[in-house]
N, C-alpha and C. Protein backbone atom coordinates (compact mmCIF):
# COMPACT_ATOMS: atom_id res chain seq x y z
N MET A 1 -3.92 2.58 11.22
CA MET A 1 -3.32 3.44 10.57
C MET A 1 -3.72 4.02 9.62
N ASP A 2 -3.57 5.17 8.24
CA ASP A 2 -4.13 6.06 7.25
C ASP A 2 -3.31 4.95 6.05
N VAL A 3 -3.49 4.39 4.83
CA VAL A 3 -3.04 3.67 3.87
C VAL A 3 -3.83 4.71 2.76
N LEU A 4 -2.78 5.22 2.34
CA LEU A 4 -2.95 5.81 1.19
C LEU A 4 -2.72 5.19 -0.04
N TYR A 5 -3.41 6.01 -1.26
CA TYR A 5 -3.45 5.31 -2.66
C TYR A 5 -3.49 6.23 -3.53
N PHE A 6 -2.51 5.92 -4.54
CA PHE A 6 -2.14 7.52 -5.68
C PHE A 6 -1.92 6.60 -6.95
N ALA A 7 -2.30 7.77 -7.82
CA ALA A 7 -2.01 6.92 -9.40
C ALA A 7 -3.58 6.14 -9.73
N TRP A 8 -2.57 5.25 -10.52
CA TRP A 8 -3.25 3.45 -11.25
C TRP A 8 -3.97 2.94 -9.92
N VAL A 9 -3.14 3.02 -8.89
CA VAL A 9 -3.55 2.12 -7.62
C VAL A 9 -5.14 2.23 -6.60
N ARG A 10 -4.93 3.85 -6.74
CA ARG A 10 -6.18 4.29 -6.19
C ARG A 10 -7.66 4.24 -6.90
N GLU A 11 -7.28 4.34 -8.58
CA GLU A 11 -8.04 4.06 -9.51
C GLU A 11 -8.75 2.63 -9.81
N ARG A 12 -7.62 1.37 -9.46
CA ARG A 12 -8.09 0.03 -9.13
C ARG A 12 -8.74 0.32 -8.02
N ILE A 13 -8.69 0.73 -6.90
CA ILE A 13 -9.59 0.24 -5.35
C ILE A 13 -10.54 1.30 -5.11
N GLY A 14 -10.62 2.40 -6.11
CA GLY A 14 -11.97 3.46 -5.82
C GLY A 14 -11.84 4.47 -4.96
N LEU A 15 -10.66 4.32 -3.66
CA LEU A 15 -10.44 5.38 -2.89
C LEU A 15 -8.96 6.16 -2.63
N PRO A 16 -8.97 7.29 -1.93
CA PRO A 16 -7.94 8.07 -2.30
C PRO A 16 -7.00 7.55 -1.24
N LYS A 17 -7.68 6.73 0.29
CA LYS A 17 -7.25 6.64 1.85
C LYS A 17 -8.77 5.97 1.85
N GLU A 18 -7.63 5.21 3.20
CA GLU A 18 -9.11 5.34 4.32
C GLU A 18 -7.77 4.68 5.29
N LYS A 19 -8.50 4.53 6.81
CA LYS A 19 -8.11 3.88 7.97
C LYS A 19 -8.02 2.77 7.73
N VAL A 20 -7.13 1.81 8.46
CA VAL A 20 -7.37 0.69 8.63
C VAL A 20 -6.60 0.10 9.57
N GLU A 21 -7.27 -0.80 10.10
CA GLU A 21 -7.09 -2.22 11.23
C GLU A 21 -6.54 -3.18 10.94
N THR A 22 -4.81 -3.05 11.50
CA THR A 22 -4.23 -4.34 11.05
C THR A 22 -3.19 -4.76 11.85
N ALA A 23 -3.22 -6.46 12.59
CA ALA A 23 -2.32 -7.30 13.08
C ALA A 23 -1.05 -7.18 11.71
N ALA A 24 -0.71 -6.79 11.11
CA ALA A 24 0.23 -6.63 9.99
C ALA A 24 1.85 -6.12 10.23
N ALA A 25 2.48 -7.32 10.27
CA ALA A 25 3.50 -6.92 11.67
C ALA A 25 4.87 -6.61 9.64
N THR A 26 4.43 -6.62 8.75
CA THR A 26 5.37 -5.86 7.43
C THR A 26 4.51 -5.46 6.62
N VAL A 27 4.84 -4.53 6.11
CA VAL A 27 4.14 -4.41 4.67
C VAL A 27 3.60 -5.29 3.65
N ASN A 28 4.42 -6.24 3.71
CA ASN A 28 4.25 -7.53 2.48
C ASN A 28 2.93 -8.47 3.49
N ASP A 29 2.76 -8.00 4.40
CA ASP A 29 1.79 -8.86 5.44
C ASP A 29 0.39 -7.64 5.34
N LEU A 30 0.99 -6.72 5.25
CA LEU A 30 -0.97 -5.58 4.89
C LEU A 30 -1.17 -6.14 3.84
N VAL A 31 -0.13 -5.98 2.27
CA VAL A 31 -0.88 -5.96 1.24
C VAL A 31 -1.87 -7.60 1.07
N ALA A 32 -1.26 -8.15 2.19
CA ALA A 32 -1.50 -10.19 1.62
C ALA A 32 -3.27 -9.30 2.25
N GLU A 33 -3.29 -8.74 3.57
CA GLU A 33 -4.52 -8.47 3.90
C GLU A 33 -5.10 -7.80 3.28
N LEU A 34 -4.78 -6.61 2.71
CA LEU A 34 -5.16 -6.02 1.53
C LEU A 34 -5.58 -6.54 0.56
N ALA A 35 -5.34 -7.43 -0.27
CA ALA A 35 -5.44 -8.38 -1.34
C ALA A 35 -6.29 -8.94 -1.21
N ALA A 36 -6.42 -9.99 -0.10
CA ALA A 36 -7.64 -10.59 0.12
C ALA A 36 -9.12 -10.23 0.68
N ARG A 37 -8.90 -8.96 0.88
CA ARG A 37 -10.65 -8.60 0.81
C ARG A 37 -11.58 -8.62 -0.20
N GLU A 38 -11.47 -8.14 -1.31
CA GLU A 38 -11.87 -8.21 -2.47
C GLU A 38 -11.10 -8.35 -4.00
N PRO A 39 -12.00 -8.52 -5.05
CA PRO A 39 -11.22 -8.69 -6.62
C PRO A 39 -10.50 -6.57 -6.80
N ARG A 40 -11.40 -5.93 -6.46
CA ARG A 40 -10.69 -4.45 -6.60
C ARG A 40 -8.95 -4.35 -5.78
N TYR A 41 -9.15 -4.47 -4.69
CA TYR A 41 -7.73 -5.05 -4.07
C TYR A 41 -6.74 -5.90 -4.71
N ALA A 42 -6.73 -7.03 -4.81
CA ALA A 42 -6.34 -7.78 -5.38
C ALA A 42 -6.21 -7.42 -6.76
N ALA A 43 -6.44 -6.96 -7.66
CA ALA A 43 -5.99 -6.49 -8.99
C ALA A 43 -5.38 -5.19 -8.41
N ALA A 44 -5.45 -4.58 -7.59
CA ALA A 44 -4.28 -3.14 -7.10
C ALA A 44 -3.17 -3.61 -6.70
N PHE A 45 -3.19 -5.09 -6.43
CA PHE A 45 -1.59 -5.09 -5.10
C PHE A 45 -1.57 -6.41 -6.53
N ALA A 46 -1.74 -6.46 -7.46
CA ALA A 46 -1.34 -8.12 -8.33
C ALA A 46 0.08 -8.32 -8.93
N ASP A 47 0.96 -7.31 -8.74
CA ASP A 47 1.95 -6.79 -9.30
C ASP A 47 2.71 -6.40 -8.31
N THR A 48 3.14 -6.82 -7.09
CA THR A 48 3.85 -5.73 -5.90
C THR A 48 5.32 -4.91 -6.33
N ALA A 49 5.84 -5.88 -7.49
CA ALA A 49 6.94 -5.20 -8.99
C ALA A 49 7.17 -3.67 -9.10
N ALA A 50 5.47 -3.63 -9.33
CA ALA A 50 5.17 -2.57 -9.70
C ALA A 50 4.81 -1.10 -9.04
N LEU A 51 5.41 -1.62 -8.07
CA LEU A 51 4.40 -1.15 -6.86
C LEU A 51 5.84 -0.27 -6.13
N ARG A 52 5.93 1.00 -5.20
CA ARG A 52 6.53 1.47 -4.65
C ARG A 52 5.26 1.79 -3.14
N VAL A 53 6.33 1.73 -1.80
CA VAL A 53 5.48 2.03 -0.60
C VAL A 53 6.44 3.11 0.15
N ALA A 54 5.56 4.04 1.43
CA ALA A 54 7.13 5.02 1.76
C ALA A 54 5.94 4.67 2.97
N LEU A 55 6.85 4.55 4.15
CA LEU A 55 6.24 4.35 5.38
C LEU A 55 6.49 5.92 6.46
N ASP A 56 5.40 6.35 7.00
CA ASP A 56 5.61 7.93 7.45
C ASP A 56 6.32 8.95 5.70
N GLN A 57 5.62 9.00 4.79
CA GLN A 57 6.22 9.68 4.10
C GLN A 57 7.85 9.62 3.64
N GLU A 58 8.54 8.19 4.01
CA GLU A 58 9.76 8.06 3.31
C GLU A 58 10.03 6.36 2.44
N LEU A 59 10.10 6.77 1.79
CA LEU A 59 10.44 5.38 0.93
C LEU A 59 11.17 4.16 1.89
N SER A 60 10.35 3.11 1.56
CA SER A 60 10.84 1.85 1.93
C SER A 60 10.37 0.78 1.66
N ASP A 61 10.80 -0.52 2.06
CA ASP A 61 10.49 -1.29 1.23
C ASP A 61 9.60 -2.70 1.41
N PHE A 62 9.08 -3.41 0.47
CA PHE A 62 8.03 -4.02 1.68
C PHE A 62 8.24 -5.08 2.66
N ASP A 63 9.26 -5.33 2.90
CA ASP A 63 9.56 -5.93 4.30
C ASP A 63 9.85 -5.26 4.96
N ALA A 64 9.70 -4.19 5.25
CA ALA A 64 9.98 -3.12 6.22
C ALA A 64 8.43 -3.64 7.24
N PRO A 65 9.24 -3.58 8.67
CA PRO A 65 8.23 -3.77 9.76
C PRO A 65 7.29 -2.30 9.54
N LEU A 66 6.17 -2.82 10.08
CA LEU A 66 4.99 -1.98 10.14
C LEU A 66 5.41 -0.99 11.96
N ALA A 67 5.46 -2.04 12.76
CA ALA A 67 5.31 -1.21 14.41
C ALA A 67 5.84 0.37 14.67
N GLY A 68 4.51 1.74 15.18
CA GLY A 68 4.91 2.36 14.77
C GLY A 68 4.75 3.54 13.55
N VAL A 69 4.65 2.49 12.59
CA VAL A 69 4.28 3.22 11.39
C VAL A 69 2.51 3.96 11.98
N ARG A 70 2.32 5.19 11.19
CA ARG A 70 0.67 5.68 11.47
C ARG A 70 0.50 5.77 10.21
N GLU A 71 1.11 5.85 8.52
CA GLU A 71 0.39 6.07 7.39
C GLU A 71 1.81 5.33 6.60
N VAL A 72 0.81 4.62 5.85
CA VAL A 72 1.31 4.31 4.43
C VAL A 72 0.74 4.36 3.04
N ALA A 73 1.43 4.51 2.17
CA ALA A 73 0.94 4.94 1.28
C ALA A 73 1.37 4.09 0.30
N PHE A 74 0.91 3.50 -1.17
CA PHE A 74 1.05 2.44 -2.10
C PHE A 74 1.18 3.66 -3.44
N PHE A 75 2.17 4.03 -4.43
CA PHE A 75 1.54 4.44 -5.39
C PHE A 75 2.73 3.61 -6.53
N PRO A 76 2.89 4.37 -7.74
CA PRO A 76 3.70 3.65 -8.83
C PRO A 76 4.82 4.08 -8.70
N PRO A 77 5.92 3.89 -9.06
CA PRO A 77 7.16 4.10 -9.78
C PRO A 77 7.14 5.54 -10.23
N MET A 78 7.87 6.69 -10.16
CA MET A 78 7.62 7.87 -10.84
C MET A 78 8.68 7.80 -11.95
N THR A 79 8.76 8.89 -12.36
CA THR A 79 10.07 8.92 -13.46
C THR A 79 10.00 10.73 -13.37
N GLY A 80 11.75 10.93 -13.42
CA GLY A 80 11.76 12.45 -13.44
C GLY A 80 11.67 12.94 -15.19
N GLY A 81 11.80 13.97 -15.38
CA GLY A 81 11.54 15.01 -16.48
C GLY A 81 12.13 16.32 -16.62
């Protein structure tokens, strides 16, 4: 699946996107896999309360299942103006 990173998440990881092979069942499982990779991922996912996630461009929750999902995007909360 494609995993996209935006704003400070992208800055901490150093990539705008990547293809990920995963056996993760939920977004939380994917976050745990990514955070275990290396320190830059651990730093990006240290506080998931400060993150939002979208699955196939639809806002979702971290306990959402990943079955059939083609794209996961992580980004900080946005404010309107």
